[in-house]
C-alpha atoms as a PDB file:
ATOM      1  CA  MET A   1      47.210  19.052 -25.260  1.00  0.00           C
ATOM      2  CA  GLU A   2      45.952  15.568 -24.401  1.00  0.00           C
ATOM      3  CA  ILE A   3      43.923  13.597 -26.931  1.00  0.00           C
ATOM      4  CA  VAL A   4      40.878  11.709 -25.544  1.00  0.00           C
ATOM      5  CA  ASN A   5      38.880   9.203 -27.589  1.00  0.00           C
ATOM      6  CA  VAL A   6      35.139   9.220 -26.856  1.00  0.00           C
ATOM      7  CA  ARG A   7      32.496   6.897 -28.273  1.00  0.00           C
ATOM      8  CA  LEU A   8      29.229   8.666 -29.148  1.00  0.00           C
ATOM      9  CA  SER A   9      25.878   7.364 -30.270  1.00  0.00           C
ATOM     10  CA  GLU A  10      24.942   7.998 -33.876  1.00  0.00           C
ATOM     11  CA  LYS A  11      22.229  10.461 -32.840  1.00  0.00           C
ATOM     12  CA  ILE A  12      24.606  12.561 -30.714  1.00  0.00           C
ATOM     13  CA  ALA A  13      27.174  12.576 -33.523  1.00  0.00           C
ATOM     14  CA  VAL A  14      24.517  13.790 -35.992  1.00  0.00           C
ATOM     15  CA  ASP A  15      23.411  16.527 -33.562  1.00  0.00           C
ATOM     16  CA  ILE A  16      27.020  17.664 -33.094  1.00  0.00           C
ATOM     17  CA  ASP A  17      27.557  17.829 -36.848  1.00  0.00           C
ATOM     18  CA  LYS A  18      24.405  19.943 -37.259  1.00  0.00           C
ATOM     19  CA  LEU A  19      25.619  22.398 -34.621  1.00  0.00           C
ATOM     20  CA  ALA A  20      29.100  22.505 -36.135  1.00  0.00           C
ATOM     21  CA  LYS A  21      27.709  23.289 -39.565  1.00  0.00           C
ATOM     22  CA  SER A  22      25.242  25.864 -38.217  1.00  0.00           C
ATOM     23  CA  HIS A  23      27.925  27.797 -36.302  1.00  0.00           C
ATOM     24  CA  GLY A  24      30.861  27.237 -38.583  1.00  0.00           C
ATOM     25  CA  LEU A  25      32.804  25.267 -35.999  1.00  0.00           C
ATOM     26  CA  SER A  26      34.570  21.916 -36.057  1.00  0.00           C
ATOM     27  CA  ARG A  27      33.118  18.854 -34.398  1.00  0.00           C
ATOM     28  CA  SER A  28      36.021  18.909 -31.878  1.00  0.00           C
ATOM     29  CA  GLU A  29      35.311  22.515 -30.943  1.00  0.00           C
ATOM     30  CA  ILE A  30      31.635  21.791 -30.291  1.00  0.00           C
ATOM     31  CA  ILE A  31      32.566  18.891 -27.992  1.00  0.00           C
ATOM     32  CA  ARG A  32      35.244  20.942 -26.221  1.00  0.00           C
ATOM     33  CA  GLN A  33      32.848  23.823 -25.519  1.00  0.00           C
ATOM     34  CA  ALA A  34      30.085  21.473 -24.372  1.00  0.00           C
ATOM     35  CA  LEU A  35      32.411  19.795 -21.870  1.00  0.00           C
ATOM     36  CA  THR A  36      33.740  23.140 -20.634  1.00  0.00           C
ATOM     37  CA  ILE A  37      30.227  24.419 -19.913  1.00  0.00           C
ATOM     38  CA  TYR A  38      29.166  21.148 -18.278  1.00  0.00           C
ATOM     39  CA  LEU A  39      32.231  20.992 -16.008  1.00  0.00           C
ATOM     40  CA  HIS A  40      31.612  24.586 -14.930  1.00  0.00           C
ATOM     41  CA  LEU A  41      28.039  23.710 -13.969  1.00  0.00           C
ATOM     42  CA  VAL A  42      29.106  20.610 -12.069  1.00  0.00           C
ATOM     43  CA  GLU A  43      31.710  22.567 -10.130  1.00  0.00           C
ATOM     44  CA  ASN A  44      29.233  25.239  -9.075  1.00  0.00           C
ATOM     45  CA  ILE A  45      25.985  23.287  -8.874  1.00  0.00           C
ATOM     46  CA  GLY A  46      27.177  19.768  -8.131  1.00  0.00           C
ATOM     47  CA  VAL A  47      23.747  18.565  -7.056  1.00  0.00           C
ATOM     48  CA  MET A  48      22.710  18.531 -10.716  1.00  0.00           C
ATOM     49  CA  LEU A  49      24.586  15.256 -11.016  1.00  0.00           C
ATOM     50  CA  ARG A  50      22.574  13.527  -8.292  1.00  0.00           C
ATOM     51  CA  PRO A  51      18.885  12.669  -8.271  1.00  0.00           C
ATOM     52  CA  LEU A  52      17.044  14.729  -5.676  1.00  0.00           C
ATOM     53  CA  ALA A  53      15.981  11.605  -3.771  1.00  0.00           C
ATOM     54  CA  PHE A  54      19.578  10.878  -2.757  1.00  0.00           C
ATOM     55  CA  GLN A  55      19.887  14.278  -1.114  1.00  0.00           C
ATOM     56  CA  VAL A  56      17.117  13.605   1.382  1.00  0.00           C
ATOM     57  CA  LYS A  57      18.252  13.468   4.999  1.00  0.00           C
ATOM     58  CA  PRO A  58      16.383  11.478   7.663  1.00  0.00           C
ATOM     59  CA  ALA A  59      15.426  14.703   9.446  1.00  0.00           C
ATOM     60  CA  GLN A  60      13.565  15.821   6.313  1.00  0.00           C
ATOM     61  CA  ILE A  61      11.272  12.795   6.272  1.00  0.00           C
ATOM     62  CA  GLU A  62       7.784  13.398   7.658  1.00  0.00           C
ATOM     63  CA  TYR A  63       6.430  10.373   9.544  1.00  0.00           C
ATOM     64  CA  THR A  64       2.701   9.912  10.057  1.00  0.00           C
ATOM     65  CA  ARG A  65       0.538   6.987  11.125  1.00  0.00           C
ATOM     66  CA  ARG A  66      -2.962   5.827  10.291  1.00  0.00           C
ATOM     67  CA  GLY A  67      -3.911   2.756  12.267  1.00  0.00           C
ATOM     68  CA  ASP A  68      -1.479  -0.016  11.333  1.00  0.00           C
ATOM     69  CA  VAL A  69      -0.030   1.963   8.424  1.00  0.00           C
ATOM     70  CA  ALA A  70       3.040   4.205   8.482  1.00  0.00           C
ATOM     71  CA  ILE A  71       3.453   6.931   5.861  1.00  0.00           C
ATOM     72  CA  LEU A  72       6.889   8.411   5.202  1.00  0.00           C
ATOM     73  CA  LYS A  73       6.732  11.597   3.119  1.00  0.00           C
ATOM     74  CA  VAL A  74       9.962  12.836   1.560  1.00  0.00           C
ATOM     75  CA  PRO A  75      10.706  16.326   0.146  1.00  0.00           C
ATOM     76  CA  THR A  76      10.757  14.954  -3.391  1.00  0.00           C
ATOM     77  CA  GLY A  77       6.950  14.805  -3.393  1.00  0.00           C
ATOM     78  CA  HIS A  78       6.852  11.041  -2.891  1.00  0.00           C
ATOM     79  CA  ALA A  79       5.740   8.797  -0.050  1.00  0.00           C
ATOM     80  CA  ILE A  80       6.668   5.345   1.198  1.00  0.00           C
ATOM     81  CA  VAL A  81       3.755   3.508   2.805  1.00  0.00           C
ATOM     82  CA  VAL A  82       4.260   0.508   5.088  1.00  0.00           C
ATOM     83  CA  GLY A  83       1.530  -1.834   6.315  1.00  0.00           C
ATOM     84  CA  SER A  84       1.869  -4.983   8.384  1.00  0.00           C
ATOM     85  CA  THR A  85      -0.178  -7.692  10.030  1.00  0.00           C
ATOM     86  CA  SER A  86       0.400 -10.875  11.993  1.00  0.00           C
ATOM     87  CA  SER A  87      -1.354 -14.017  13.080  1.00  0.00           C
ATOM     88  CA  GLY A  88      -0.905 -16.539  15.874  1.00  0.00           C
ATOM     89  CA  SER A  89      -2.573 -19.859  16.628  1.00  0.00           C
ATOM     90  CA  VAL A  90      -4.412 -19.832  13.298  1.00  0.00           C
ATOM     91  CA  GLY A  91      -3.401 -22.501  10.806  1.00  0.00           C
ATOM     92  CA  PRO A  92      -3.107 -26.247  10.220  1.00  0.00           C
ATOM     93  CA  LYS A  93      -0.898 -27.217  13.183  1.00  0.00           C
ATOM     94  CA  LYS A  94      -2.020 -29.382  16.111  1.00  0.00           C
ATOM     95  CA  LEU A  95      -1.986 -26.594  18.727  1.00  0.00           C
ATOM     96  CA  ASP A  96      -3.682 -23.963  16.554  1.00  0.00           C
ATOM     97  CA  HIS A  97      -6.974 -22.731  18.018  1.00  0.00           C
ATOM     98  CA  VAL A  98      -8.519 -21.910  14.636  1.00  0.00           C
ATOM     99  CA  LYS A  99      -7.907 -24.654  12.097  1.00  0.00           C
ATOM    100  CA  VAL A 100      -7.467 -23.438   8.519  1.00  0.00           C
ATOM    101  CA  LYS A 101      -5.279 -24.503   5.641  1.00  0.00           C
ATOM    102  CA  GLY A 102      -1.955 -22.757   5.234  1.00  0.00           C
ATOM    103  CA  TYR A 103      -3.090 -21.360   1.873  1.00  0.00           C
ATOM    104  CA  VAL A 104      -6.108 -19.675   3.474  1.00  0.00           C
ATOM    105  CA  LEU A 105      -3.972 -18.148   6.219  1.00  0.00           C
ATOM    106  CA  GLY A 106      -1.481 -16.780   3.684  1.00  0.00           C
ATOM    107  CA  LYS A 107      -4.258 -15.340   1.540  1.00  0.00           C
ATOM    108  CA  PHE A 108      -5.815 -13.400   4.411  1.00  0.00           C
ATOM    109  CA  LEU A 109      -2.495 -12.209   5.832  1.00  0.00           C
ATOM    110  CA  ALA A 110      -1.518 -10.795   2.450  1.00  0.00           C
ATOM    111  CA  ARG A 111      -4.995  -9.378   1.949  1.00  0.00           C
ATOM    112  CA  VAL A 112      -4.907  -7.358   5.165  1.00  0.00           C
ATOM    113  CA  ALA A 113      -1.496  -5.776   4.554  1.00  0.00           C
ATOM    114  CA  LEU A 114      -2.191  -5.145   0.867  1.00  0.00           C
ATOM    115  CA  MET A 115      -5.576  -3.575   1.666  1.00  0.00           C
ATOM    116  CA  ASP A 116      -4.004  -1.286   4.256  1.00  0.00           C
ATOM    117  CA  VAL A 117      -1.418   0.001   1.787  1.00  0.00           C
ATOM    118  CA  ALA A 118      -3.685   0.148  -1.285  1.00  0.00           C
ATOM    119  CA  ALA A 119      -6.351   2.062   0.695  1.00  0.00           C
ATOM    120  CA  THR A 120      -3.915   4.983   1.080  1.00  0.00           C
ATOM    121  CA  GLY A 121      -3.529   5.308  -2.691  1.00  0.00           C
ATOM    122  CA  ALA A 122      -0.035   3.796  -2.674  1.00  0.00           C
ATOM    123  CA  TYR A 123       1.014   0.996  -5.015  1.00  0.00           C
ATOM    124  CA  PRO A 124       2.488  -2.064  -3.261  1.00  0.00           C
ATOM    125  CA  LEU A 125       6.033  -2.860  -4.401  1.00  0.00           C
ATOM    126  CA  LEU A 126       7.318  -5.386  -1.867  1.00  0.00           C
ATOM    127  CA  ILE A 127       5.799  -8.120   0.311  1.00  0.00           C
ATOM    128  CA  SER A 128       7.815  -9.622   3.163  1.00  0.00           C
ATOM    129  CA  ALA A 129       6.551 -12.832   4.774  1.00  0.00           C
ATOM    130  CA  THR A 130       8.110 -13.800   8.121  1.00  0.00           C
ATOM    131  CA  LEU A 131       6.803 -17.218   9.064  1.00  0.00           C
ATOM    132  CA  GLY A 132       7.317 -18.984  12.401  1.00  0.00           C
ATOM    133  CA  VAL A 133       6.866 -22.395  10.774  1.00  0.00           C
ATOM    134  CA  GLU A 134       8.973 -24.816   8.742  1.00  0.00           C
ATOM    135  CA  LYS A 135       9.326 -24.343   4.986  1.00  0.00           C
ATOM    136  CA  GLU A 136       7.795 -27.734   4.143  1.00  0.00           C
ATOM    137  CA  PRO A 137       4.937 -28.170   4.113  1.00  0.00           C
ATOM    138  CA  THR A 138       3.302 -25.378   6.178  1.00  0.00           C
ATOM    139  CA  GLY A 139       5.484 -22.483   5.058  1.00  0.00           C
ATOM    140  CA  ARG A 140       5.097 -23.359   1.408  1.00  0.00           C
ATOM    141  CA  GLU A 141       1.305 -23.525   1.743  1.00  0.00           C
ATOM    142  CA  ILE A 142       1.136 -20.117   3.460  1.00  0.00           C
ATOM    143  CA  ILE A 143       3.419 -18.601   0.837  1.00  0.00           C
ATOM    144  CA  GLU A 144       1.209 -19.959  -1.951  1.00  0.00           C
ATOM    145  CA  GLY A 145      -1.723 -18.140  -0.375  1.00  0.00           C
ATOM    146  CA  ILE A 146       0.291 -14.915  -0.243  1.00  0.00           C
ATOM    147  CA  ARG A 147       1.339 -15.349  -3.849  1.00  0.00           C
ATOM    148  CA  GLY A 148      -2.246 -15.911  -4.945  1.00  0.00           C
ATOM    149  CA  GLU A 149      -3.547 -12.787  -3.213  1.00  0.00           C
ATOM    150  CA  SER A 150      -0.726 -10.642  -4.613  1.00  0.00           C
ATOM    151  CA  ARG A 151      -1.879 -11.514  -8.121  1.00  0.00           C
ATOM    152  CA  VAL A 152      -5.217  -9.788  -7.424  1.00  0.00           C
ATOM    153  CA  LEU A 153      -3.312  -6.505  -7.811  1.00  0.00           C
ATOM    154  CA  GLY A 154      -1.421  -7.755 -10.846  1.00  0.00           C
ATOM    155  CA  LEU A 155       1.804  -8.133  -8.877  1.00  0.00           C
ATOM    156  CA  ASP A 156       4.382 -10.721  -9.872  1.00  0.00           C
ATOM    157  CA  PRO A 157       5.130 -12.690  -6.678  1.00  0.00           C
ATOM    158  CA  ASN A 158       8.431 -13.858  -8.139  1.00  0.00           C
ATOM    159  CA  GLN A 159       9.583 -10.242  -8.070  1.00  0.00           C
ATOM    160  CA  VAL A 160       7.876  -8.701  -5.039  1.00  0.00           C
ATOM    161  CA  LEU A 161       7.786 -11.499  -2.454  1.00  0.00           C
ATOM    162  CA  MET A 162      10.480 -12.071   0.179  1.00  0.00           C
ATOM    163  CA  GLU A 163      10.053 -14.997   2.553  1.00  0.00           C
ATOM    164  CA  ASN A 164      11.632 -16.375   5.699  1.00  0.00           C
ATOM    165  CA  THR A 165      10.733 -19.543   7.602  1.00  0.00           C
ATOM    166  CA  GLU A 166      11.734 -21.291  10.844  1.00  0.00           C
ATOM    167  CA  ASP A 167      13.767 -24.362   9.950  1.00  0.00           C
ATOM    168  CA  ASN A 168      15.889 -24.695  13.063  1.00  0.00           C
ATOM    169  CA  PHE A 169      13.181 -25.961  15.406  1.00  0.00           C
ATOM    170  CA  GLU A 170      10.015 -28.005  15.155  1.00  0.00           C
ATOM    171  CA  THR A 171       6.896 -25.919  15.644  1.00  0.00           C
ATOM    172  CA  ALA A 172       3.543 -27.104  16.981  1.00  0.00           C
ATOM    173  CA  GLN A 173       1.625 -23.842  16.508  1.00  0.00           C
ATOM    174  CA  THR A 174       1.435 -21.456  13.573  1.00  0.00           C
ATOM    175  CA  GLY A 175       2.767 -17.909  13.746  1.00  0.00           C
ATOM    176  CA  ALA A 176       3.137 -15.618  10.752  1.00  0.00           C
ATOM    177  CA  GLY A 177       3.528 -11.987   9.763  1.00  0.00           C
ATOM    178  CA  VAL A 178       3.344 -10.055   6.506  1.00  0.00           C
ATOM    179  CA  THR A 179       4.671  -6.577   5.758  1.00  0.00           C
ATOM    180  CA  VAL A 180       3.887  -4.651   2.575  1.00  0.00           C
ATOM    181  CA  ILE A 181       5.832  -1.629   1.335  1.00  0.00           C
ATOM    182  CA  GLY A 182       4.198   0.694  -1.170  1.00  0.00           C
ATOM    183  CA  PHE A 183       5.134   3.839  -3.058  1.00  0.00           C
ATOM    184  CA  ALA A 184       3.077   6.851  -4.112  1.00  0.00           C
ATOM    185  CA  ASN A 185       3.251  10.395  -5.351  1.00  0.00           C
ATOM    186  CA  GLU A 186       2.271  12.436  -2.311  1.00  0.00           C
ATOM    187  CA  GLU A 187      -0.462  14.270  -4.218  1.00  0.00           C
ATOM    188  CA  GLU A 188      -2.105  10.927  -5.039  1.00  0.00           C
ATOM    189  CA  LEU A 189      -2.347   9.746  -1.430  1.00  0.00           C
ATOM    190  CA  ARG A 190      -5.909   9.122  -0.302  1.00  0.00           C
ATOM    191  CA  LEU A 191      -5.482  10.489   3.224  1.00  0.00           C
ATOM    192  CA  GLY A 192      -7.345  13.269   5.007  1.00  0.00           C
ATOM    193  CA  LYS A 193      -9.783  13.768   2.122  1.00  0.00           C
ATOM    194  CA  THR A 194     -12.854  13.511   4.355  1.00  0.00           C
ATOM    195  CA  HIS A 195     -15.128  16.580   4.443  1.00  0.00           C
ATOM    196  CA  PRO A 196     -17.227  17.894   7.356  1.00  0.00           C
ATOM    197  CA  GLY A 197     -20.712  16.458   6.962  1.00  0.00           C
ATOM    198  CA  ASP A 198     -19.506  13.274   5.279  1.00  0.00           C
ATOM    199  CA  VAL A 199     -21.156  10.051   6.335  1.00  0.00           C
ATOM    200  CA  ILE A 200     -19.102   6.985   7.178  1.00  0.00           C
ATOM    201  CA  VAL A 201     -20.270   3.795   5.515  1.00  0.00           C
ATOM    202  CA  ALA A 202     -19.178   0.308   6.529  1.00  0.00           C
ATOM    203  CA  VAL A 203     -18.660  -2.023   3.588  1.00  0.00           C
ATOM    204  CA  GLY A 204     -18.825  -5.643   4.732  1.00  0.00           C
ATOM    205  CA  LYS A 205     -19.668  -7.178   8.107  1.00  0.00           C
ATOM    206  CA  PRO A 206     -17.229  -7.641  10.997  1.00  0.00           C
ATOM    207  CA  LYS A 207     -16.173 -11.270  11.192  1.00  0.00           C
ATOM    208  CA  VAL A 208     -13.376 -12.951  13.083  1.00  0.00           C
ATOM    209  CA  GLY A 209     -11.937 -16.439  13.543  1.00  0.00           C
ATOM    210  CA  ALA A 210     -14.117 -19.282  12.330  1.00  0.00           C
ATOM    211  CA  GLU A 211     -16.740 -16.796  11.063  1.00  0.00           C
ATOM    212  CA  VAL A 212     -14.543 -15.490   8.253  1.00  0.00           C
ATOM    213  CA  ILE A 213     -14.571 -18.313   5.702  1.00  0.00           C
ATOM    214  CA  PRO A 214     -18.362 -18.885   5.681  1.00  0.00           C
ATOM    215  CA  ALA A 215     -18.896 -15.101   5.452  1.00  0.00           C
ATOM    216  CA  GLU A 216     -16.528 -14.876   2.494  1.00  0.00           C
ATOM    217  CA  VAL A 217     -18.465 -17.609   0.697  1.00  0.00           C
ATOM    218  CA  LYS A 218     -21.671 -15.588   1.245  1.00  0.00           C
ATOM    219  CA  GLY A 219     -20.038 -12.376  -0.053  1.00  0.00           C
ATOM    220  CA  GLU A 220     -20.504 -10.644   3.310  1.00  0.00           C
ATOM    221  CA  ILE A 221     -16.969  -9.361   3.860  1.00  0.00           C
ATOM    222  CA  ALA A 222     -14.826  -6.726   2.182  1.00  0.00           C
ATOM    223  CA  ASP A 223     -11.741  -7.801   0.251  1.00  0.00           C
ATOM    224  CA  LEU A 224      -8.861  -6.447  -1.799  1.00  0.00           C
ATOM    225  CA  LYS A 225     -11.052  -5.977  -4.870  1.00  0.00           C
ATOM    226  CA  SER A 226     -13.422  -3.895  -2.746  1.00  0.00           C
ATOM    227  CA  VAL A 227     -10.618  -1.495  -1.843  1.00  0.00           C
ATOM    228  CA  ILE A 228      -9.587  -1.136  -5.479  1.00  0.00           C
ATOM    229  CA  GLN A 229     -13.172  -0.504  -6.589  1.00  0.00           C
ATOM    230  CA  LEU A 230     -13.769   2.081  -3.894  1.00  0.00           C
ATOM    231  CA  SER A 231     -10.450   3.860  -4.445  1.00  0.00           C
ATOM    232  CA  GLN A 232     -11.300   4.395  -8.111  1.00  0.00           C
ATOM    233  CA  LYS A 233     -14.510   6.300  -7.366  1.00  0.00           C
ATOM    234  CA  SER A 234     -14.187  10.076  -7.222  1.00  0.00           C
ATOM    235  CA  PHE A 235     -17.179  10.421  -4.863  1.00  0.00           C
ATOM    236  CA  VAL A 236     -15.375   8.287  -2.263  1.00  0.00           C
ATOM    237  CA  HIS A 237     -13.132  10.437  -0.069  1.00  0.00           C
ATOM    238  CA  ASP A 238     -11.213   8.287   2.445  1.00  0.00           C
ATOM    239  CA  VAL A 239     -10.921   4.503   2.566  1.00  0.00           C
ATOM    240  CA  ILE A 240      -9.728   2.615   5.645  1.00  0.00           C
ATOM    241  CA  PRO A 241      -9.792  -1.138   6.362  1.00  0.00           C
ATOM    242  CA  VAL A 242     -11.061  -2.213   9.794  1.00  0.00           C
ATOM    243  CA  GLY A 243      -9.137  -4.724  11.871  1.00  0.00           C
ATOM    244  CA  THR A 244      -8.890  -6.035  15.412  1.00  0.00           C
ATOM    245  CA  PHE A 245     -10.077  -2.879  17.191  1.00  0.00           C
ATOM    246  CA  GLY A 246     -13.385  -2.696  15.367  1.00  0.00           C
ATOM    247  CA  ILE A 247     -15.452  -0.256  13.335  1.00  0.00           C
ATOM    248  CA  GLY A 248     -15.773   2.363  16.075  1.00  0.00           C
ATOM    249  CA  TYR A 249     -12.007   2.637  16.481  1.00  0.00           C
ATOM    250  CA  ALA A 250     -11.405   2.967  12.733  1.00  0.00           C
ATOM    251  CA  ALA A 251     -14.128   5.628  12.502  1.00  0.00           C
ATOM    252  CA  ARG A 252     -12.409   7.642  15.234  1.00  0.00           C
ATOM    253  CA  VAL A 253      -9.115   7.334  13.349  1.00  0.00           C
ATOM    254  CA  LEU A 254     -10.815   8.822  10.260  1.00  0.00           C
ATOM    255  CA  ALA A 255     -12.287  11.718  12.231  1.00  0.00           C
ATOM    256  CA  HIS A 256      -9.016  12.416  14.043  1.00  0.00           C
ATOM    257  CA  GLY A 257      -7.179  12.442  10.721  1.00  0.00           C
ATOM    258  CA  VAL A 258      -9.106  15.535   9.597  1.00  0.00           C
ATOM    259  CA  GLY A 259      -9.381  17.177  13.013  1.00  0.00           C
ATOM    260  CA  ARG A 260     -13.147  16.681  13.312  1.00  0.00           C
ATOM    261  CA  GLN A 261     -15.622  15.072  15.701  1.00  0.00           C
ATOM    262  CA  LEU A 262     -17.429  11.803  15.132  1.00  0.00           C
ATOM    263  CA  LYS A 263     -21.133  11.183  15.575  1.00  0.00           C
ATOM    264  CA  LEU A 264     -21.920   7.474  15.612  1.00  0.00           C
ATOM    265  CA  ALA A 265     -25.261   6.224  14.345  1.00  0.00           C
ATOM    266  CA  GLU A 266     -27.616   3.609  15.744  1.00  0.00           C
ATOM    267  CA  THR A 267     -26.387   0.510  13.936  1.00  0.00           C
ATOM    268  CA  GLY A 268     -28.661  -2.141  15.359  1.00  0.00           C
ATOM    269  CA  ASP A 269     -27.263  -5.488  14.244  1.00  0.00           C
ATOM    270  CA  ILE A 270     -23.642  -4.326  13.826  1.00  0.00           C
ATOM    271  CA  ASP A 271     -21.380  -4.297  16.873  1.00  0.00           C
ATOM    272  CA  LEU A 272     -19.057  -1.327  16.399  1.00  0.00           C
ATOM    273  CA  ASN A 273     -16.581  -2.713  18.913  1.00  0.00           C
ATOM    274  CA  LYS A 274     -16.325  -6.216  17.488  1.00  0.00           C
ATOM    275  CA  SER A 275     -13.068  -7.234  15.845  1.00  0.00           C
ATOM    276  CA  ALA A 276     -13.269  -7.259  12.064  1.00  0.00           C
ATOM    277  CA  GLY A 277     -10.504  -9.858  11.998  1.00  0.00           C
ATOM    278  CA  PRO A 278      -8.610  -9.906   8.703  1.00  0.00           C
ATOM    279  CA  ALA A 279     -10.024  -6.588   7.429  1.00  0.00           C
ATOM    280  CA  THR A 280     -13.495  -7.967   6.767  1.00  0.00           C
ATOM    281  CA  VAL A 281     -14.874  -4.404   6.818  1.00  0.00           C
ATOM    282  CA  VAL A 282     -13.777  -1.283   4.969  1.00  0.00           C
ATOM    283  CA  LEU A 283     -14.951   2.184   6.014  1.00  0.00           C
ATOM    284  CA  VAL A 284     -15.444   4.902   3.412  1.00  0.00           C
ATOM    285  CA  THR A 285     -16.406   8.558   3.753  1.00  0.00           C
ATOM    286  CA  LEU A 286     -18.552  10.353   1.209  1.00  0.00           C
ATOM    287  CA  ASN A 287     -21.327  12.879   0.771  1.00  0.00           C
ATOM    288  CA  ARG A 288     -24.660  11.508   2.011  1.00  0.00           C
ATOM    289  CA  GLU A 289     -26.165  12.147  -1.421  1.00  0.00           C
ATOM    290  CA  LYS A 290     -23.711   9.652  -2.938  1.00  0.00           C
ATOM    291  CA  VAL A 291     -24.637   6.683  -0.743  1.00  0.00           C
ATOM    292  CA  ASP A 292     -26.907   5.223  -3.433  1.00  0.00           C
ATOM    293  CA  ASP A 293     -24.031   5.471  -5.926  1.00  0.00           C
ATOM    294  CA  LEU A 294     -21.871   3.558  -3.471  1.00  0.00           C
ATOM    295  CA  THR A 295     -24.354   0.731  -2.987  1.00  0.00           C
ATOM    296  CA  ALA A 296     -24.726   0.458  -6.755  1.00  0.00           C
ATOM    297  CA  THR A 297     -20.945   0.254  -7.139  1.00  0.00           C
ATOM    298  CA  ILE A 298     -20.087  -2.495  -4.710  1.00  0.00           C
ATOM    299  CA  GLN A 299     -21.835  -5.803  -4.228  1.00  0.00           C
ATOM    300  CA  LYS A 300     -21.240  -6.050  -0.483  1.00  0.00           C
ATOM    301  CA  PRO A 301     -23.392  -5.268   2.563  1.00  0.00           C
ATOM    302  CA  THR A 302     -23.250  -1.555   3.388  1.00  0.00           C
ATOM    303  CA  LYS A 303     -24.441   0.460   6.360  1.00  0.00           C
ATOM    304  CA  ILE A 304     -24.082   4.078   7.500  1.00  0.00           C
ATOM    305  CA  ILE A 305     -22.363   3.924  10.887  1.00  0.00           C
ATOM    306  CA  GLY A 306     -21.659   7.593  11.569  1.00  0.00           C
ATOM    307  CA  GLU A 307     -21.041  11.146  10.411  1.00  0.00           C
ATOM    308  CA  ILE A 308     -18.114  13.553  10.506  1.00  0.00           C
ATOM    309  CA  ILE A 309     -19.128  16.786  12.248  1.00  0.00           C
END
């Protein structure tokens, strides 16, 4: 018989002694029997040793898309949500068509990707910034904007932010992309919650390019805080940020997601096909009777733009 020395915590040792006393057995016998039973289980049901997540095979992952967001559902009841955005010719460089500070560019890039992921009900865990500019000074300024926007969600940019810059060649025009990866329990995803008869309300006004900054100052555009506010309201069903393809496109995505038809409303001063740039509009679906509750909740321009039929 081989003798094996094992270190045990004080609590486990106390529990073993209680069992030994209760059953009239020695401490060694309790340990021997416990190991015998455990080894038998491992031999016959080996998966007990491994977390379920590590048993998932790629073929078991369900891939879905909603606009610029990819949702990967795994059999464990969890979901990985990925959102991304990019920008070109916007920034502080001499050949940029829209001149803005690097900080402003970084803030809006992060805002778009974070809004896309947060709107699904997922919690962002990682931000990847791929910048086609040098680290100093442009890259650093953009990254500071990304860091600042990440703090709106209470994220620690020192932990969640990955960054990469172009330091091999001189650049005369700004190019940048941001990807956000989030995680959620599948049951908590805010996807496909829209009901037949729901109205679609646009929160914010579509703005693009040089229009964005003045509109933000006036409080006319949606932002990351808007998404968080809306997602916390039980009367709000689906939430989806609007980007380059406009309000009409995003509304059709919502309707398609629940297998229903879309009836657009007469919107007058809002162009449903205009680009909403860096997610300056968020669409929400809700019961028509709750529209007043919505307008009381959020201090942004709102307008009914359609109905799910």
